[in-house]
C-alpha atoms as a PDB file:
ATOM      1  CA  MET A   1     -32.822-130.982 131.626  1.00  0.00           C
ATOM      2  CA  LYS A   2     -33.518-127.570 132.382  1.00  0.00           C
ATOM      3  CA  ILE A   3     -32.763-124.121 130.767  1.00  0.00           C
ATOM      4  CA  ILE A   4     -29.656-122.578 132.816  1.00  0.00           C
ATOM      5  CA  VAL A   5     -28.688-119.498 130.514  1.00  0.00           C
ATOM      6  CA  THR A   6     -30.536-117.570 127.372  1.00  0.00           C
ATOM      7  CA  SER A   7     -29.052-115.062 125.521  1.00  0.00           C
ATOM      8  CA  VAL A   8     -30.242-111.811 123.620  1.00  0.00           C
ATOM      9  CA  PHE A   9     -27.459-110.056 121.079  1.00  0.00           C
ATOM     10  CA  VAL A  10     -26.861-106.392 122.132  1.00  0.00           C
ATOM     11  CA  GLN A  11     -24.917-104.102 120.462  1.00  0.00           C
ATOM     12  CA  ASP A  12     -23.019-102.544 123.465  1.00  0.00           C
ATOM     13  CA  GLN A  13     -22.215-104.628 126.551  1.00  0.00           C
ATOM     14  CA  ASP A  14     -21.912-101.888 128.753  1.00  0.00           C
ATOM     15  CA  LYS A  15     -24.914 -99.889 127.450  1.00  0.00           C
ATOM     16  CA  ALA A  16     -26.850-103.137 127.792  1.00  0.00           C
ATOM     17  CA  LEU A  17     -25.824-104.025 131.269  1.00  0.00           C
ATOM     18  CA  ALA A  18     -26.841-100.500 132.467  1.00  0.00           C
ATOM     19  CA  PHE A  19     -30.313-100.327 131.083  1.00  0.00           C
ATOM     20  CA  TYR A  20     -31.019-104.451 132.243  1.00  0.00           C
ATOM     21  CA  THR A  21     -29.943-103.897 135.698  1.00  0.00           C
ATOM     22  CA  LYS A  22     -30.702-100.092 136.045  1.00  0.00           C
ATOM     23  CA  THR A  23     -33.586 -99.685 134.315  1.00  0.00           C
ATOM     24  CA  LEU A  24     -35.358-103.178 134.362  1.00  0.00           C
ATOM     25  CA  GLY A  25     -34.216-104.294 137.668  1.00  0.00           C
ATOM     26  CA  PHE A  26     -32.151-107.400 136.813  1.00  0.00           C
ATOM     27  CA  VAL A  27     -29.529-108.371 138.948  1.00  0.00           C
ATOM     28  CA  LYS A  28     -25.843-109.159 137.553  1.00  0.00           C
ATOM     29  CA  LYS A  29     -24.368-112.358 138.326  1.00  0.00           C
ATOM     30  CA  HIS A  30     -21.519-112.843 136.101  1.00  0.00           C
ATOM     31  CA  ASP A  31     -19.138-109.998 134.593  1.00  0.00           C
ATOM     32  CA  VAL A  32     -15.875-112.267 133.106  1.00  0.00           C
ATOM     33  CA  PRO A  33     -13.797-110.952 130.879  1.00  0.00           C
ATOM     34  CA  THR A  34     -13.680-113.143 127.749  1.00  0.00           C
ATOM     35  CA  GLY A  35     -11.023-111.122 125.464  1.00  0.00           C
ATOM     36  CA  GLU A  36     -12.403-108.373 123.557  1.00  0.00           C
ATOM     37  CA  PHE A  37     -15.774-108.883 125.217  1.00  0.00           C
ATOM     38  CA  ARG A  38     -17.207-110.384 128.273  1.00  0.00           C
ATOM     39  CA  TRP A  39     -19.451-113.037 129.611  1.00  0.00           C
ATOM     40  CA  ILE A  40     -22.169-111.085 131.401  1.00  0.00           C
ATOM     41  CA  THR A  41     -25.026-112.742 132.825  1.00  0.00           C
ATOM     42  CA  LEU A  42     -28.092-111.348 134.354  1.00  0.00           C
ATOM     43  CA  VAL A  43     -30.803-113.103 136.808  1.00  0.00           C
ATOM     44  CA  SER A  44     -34.404-112.107 138.191  1.00  0.00           C
ATOM     45  CA  PRO A  45     -33.868-110.418 141.715  1.00  0.00           C
ATOM     46  CA  GLY A  46     -35.947-112.909 143.654  1.00  0.00           C
ATOM     47  CA  ASP A  47     -34.335-115.934 141.640  1.00  0.00           C
ATOM     48  CA  GLN A  48     -30.731-115.314 142.073  1.00  0.00           C
ATOM     49  CA  ASN A  49     -30.330-118.907 141.256  1.00  0.00           C
ATOM     50  CA  GLY A  50     -32.559-119.204 138.308  1.00  0.00           C
ATOM     51  CA  THR A  51     -32.141-118.929 134.607  1.00  0.00           C
ATOM     52  CA  GLU A  52     -29.537-116.428 133.590  1.00  0.00           C
ATOM     53  CA  LEU A  53     -30.128-113.885 130.737  1.00  0.00           C
ATOM     54  CA  LEU A  54     -26.820-113.802 128.685  1.00  0.00           C
ATOM     55  CA  LEU A  55     -25.936-110.397 127.152  1.00  0.00           C
ATOM     56  CA  GLU A  56     -24.422-111.725 124.056  1.00  0.00           C
ATOM     57  CA  PRO A  57     -22.416-109.351 121.862  1.00  0.00           C
ATOM     58  CA  ASN A  58     -23.664-109.147 118.327  1.00  0.00           C
ATOM     59  CA  VAL A  59     -20.308-108.668 116.410  1.00  0.00           C
ATOM     60  CA  HIS A  60     -21.079-111.900 113.940  1.00  0.00           C
ATOM     61  CA  PRO A  61     -23.016-110.754 110.782  1.00  0.00           C
ATOM     62  CA  ALA A  62     -25.515-113.218 110.985  1.00  0.00           C
ATOM     63  CA  ALA A  63     -26.161-112.226 114.659  1.00  0.00           C
ATOM     64  CA  GLN A  64     -26.544-108.655 113.398  1.00  0.00           C
ATOM     65  CA  GLU A  65     -28.724-109.461 110.386  1.00  0.00           C
ATOM     66  CA  TYR A  66     -30.857-111.550 112.712  1.00  0.00           C
ATOM     67  CA  GLN A  67     -31.196-108.840 115.086  1.00  0.00           C
ATOM     68  CA  LYS A  68     -31.842-106.159 112.668  1.00  0.00           C
ATOM     69  CA  SER A  69     -34.599-108.351 110.765  1.00  0.00           C
ATOM     70  CA  ILE A  70     -36.719-109.262 113.722  1.00  0.00           C
ATOM     71  CA  PHE A  71     -36.449-105.862 115.417  1.00  0.00           C
ATOM     72  CA  ALA A  72     -37.752-104.347 111.430  1.00  0.00           C
ATOM     73  CA  GLU A  73     -40.368-107.023 111.805  1.00  0.00           C
ATOM     74  CA  GLY A  74     -41.290-105.753 115.340  1.00  0.00           C
ATOM     75  CA  ILE A  75     -40.815-109.257 116.438  1.00  0.00           C
ATOM     76  CA  PRO A  76     -39.556-109.416 120.517  1.00  0.00           C
ATOM     77  CA  ALA A  77     -36.340-111.230 120.820  1.00  0.00           C
ATOM     78  CA  THR A  78     -37.405-112.484 123.951  1.00  0.00           C
ATOM     79  CA  MET A  79     -40.454-112.237 126.694  1.00  0.00           C
ATOM     80  CA  PHE A  80     -40.321-111.574 130.408  1.00  0.00           C
ATOM     81  CA  GLY A  81     -42.804-112.326 132.797  1.00  0.00           C
ATOM     82  CA  VAL A  82     -44.355-109.835 135.350  1.00  0.00           C
ATOM     83  CA  ALA A  83     -46.800-109.808 137.965  1.00  0.00           C
ATOM     84  CA  ASN A  84     -48.734-106.676 137.129  1.00  0.00           C
ATOM     85  CA  ILE A  85     -48.266-105.725 133.877  1.00  0.00           C
ATOM     86  CA  HIS A  86     -50.066-102.268 134.121  1.00  0.00           C
ATOM     87  CA  LYS A  87     -47.710-101.497 137.244  1.00  0.00           C
ATOM     88  CA  GLU A  88     -44.685-102.216 135.496  1.00  0.00           C
ATOM     89  CA  TYR A  89     -45.824-100.429 131.958  1.00  0.00           C
ATOM     90  CA  GLU A  90     -46.003 -97.235 134.396  1.00  0.00           C
ATOM     91  CA  ARG A  91     -43.003 -97.632 136.255  1.00  0.00           C
ATOM     92  CA  LEU A  92     -40.907 -98.287 132.781  1.00  0.00           C
ATOM     93  CA  LEU A  93     -42.575 -95.064 131.074  1.00  0.00           C
ATOM     94  CA  GLU A  94     -41.680 -93.334 134.178  1.00  0.00           C
ATOM     95  CA  ASN A  95     -38.250 -94.527 133.673  1.00  0.00           C
ATOM     96  CA  GLY A  96     -37.997 -93.378 130.092  1.00  0.00           C
ATOM     97  CA  VAL A  97     -38.419 -96.732 128.465  1.00  0.00           C
ATOM     98  CA  LYS A  98     -40.371 -96.350 124.667  1.00  0.00           C
ATOM     99  CA  PHE A  99     -42.897 -99.309 124.211  1.00  0.00           C
ATOM    100  CA  THR A 100     -44.129-100.363 120.442  1.00  0.00           C
ATOM    101  CA  MET A 101     -47.266-102.193 122.112  1.00  0.00           C
ATOM    102  CA  GLU A 102     -49.127-100.897 125.248  1.00  0.00           C
ATOM    103  CA  PRO A 103     -50.458-103.415 127.731  1.00  0.00           C
ATOM    104  CA  THR A 104     -52.643-105.532 125.409  1.00  0.00           C
ATOM    105  CA  LYS A 105     -55.213-108.364 126.617  1.00  0.00           C
ATOM    106  CA  ALA A 106     -54.187-111.433 124.304  1.00  0.00           C
ATOM    107  CA  GLY A 107     -56.658-114.157 125.216  1.00  0.00           C
ATOM    108  CA  GLU A 108     -55.481-115.240 128.603  1.00  0.00           C
ATOM    109  CA  VAL A 109     -52.693-112.961 128.939  1.00  0.00           C
ATOM    110  CA  THR A 110     -51.560-109.460 128.816  1.00  0.00           C
ATOM    111  CA  ILE A 111     -48.812-108.510 126.664  1.00  0.00           C
ATOM    112  CA  ALA A 112     -46.742-105.157 126.440  1.00  0.00           C
ATOM    113  CA  VAL A 113     -43.516-104.814 124.006  1.00  0.00           C
ATOM    114  CA  PHE A 114     -40.896-102.230 124.346  1.00  0.00           C
ATOM    115  CA  ASP A 115     -37.167-101.271 122.808  1.00  0.00           C
ATOM    116  CA  ASP A 116     -34.346-101.959 125.193  1.00  0.00           C
ATOM    117  CA  THR A 117     -32.174 -99.643 123.385  1.00  0.00           C
ATOM    118  CA  CYS A 118     -29.645-102.350 122.440  1.00  0.00           C
ATOM    119  CA  GLY A 119     -31.109-103.480 119.169  1.00  0.00           C
ATOM    120  CA  ASN A 120     -34.104-105.486 120.636  1.00  0.00           C
ATOM    121  CA  LEU A 121     -37.699-105.490 121.213  1.00  0.00           C
ATOM    122  CA  ILE A 122     -38.826-106.969 124.346  1.00  0.00           C
ATOM    123  CA  GLN A 123     -41.888-108.576 125.309  1.00  0.00           C
ATOM    124  CA  LEU A 124     -43.820-108.608 128.739  1.00  0.00           C
ATOM    125  CA  ILE A 125     -46.488-110.963 129.521  1.00  0.00           C
ATOM    126  CA  GLN A 126     -48.587-111.149 132.577  1.00  0.00           C
ATOM    127  CA  ASN A 127     -50.690-114.378 132.698  1.00  0.00           C
END
């Protein structure tokens, strides 16, 4: 068994698609109409057959409350691994990304947290 799709709730699929592809650098794998919304998944550019990230519309009240609550508590919705967190931090800052935590050593890893502009905090980690 392996993880093939994971999701993050987003307030606006088009805005999220633009941010996650143009700013973060993910690649769109699927963009399929499903009625009012779309099944939009992204993959890492170097692993196009790897785990997909679904940009899940947060239309259900429970999803909205969950997203709002963890954001308010400073809890990241998900985590992305990077090879060089300081380089990635600088690249994202140059692209206007707002960080709530700059790269910080936490035991054997270094982490940082940013706002994805779609209702989530995202944690970066470098092992």
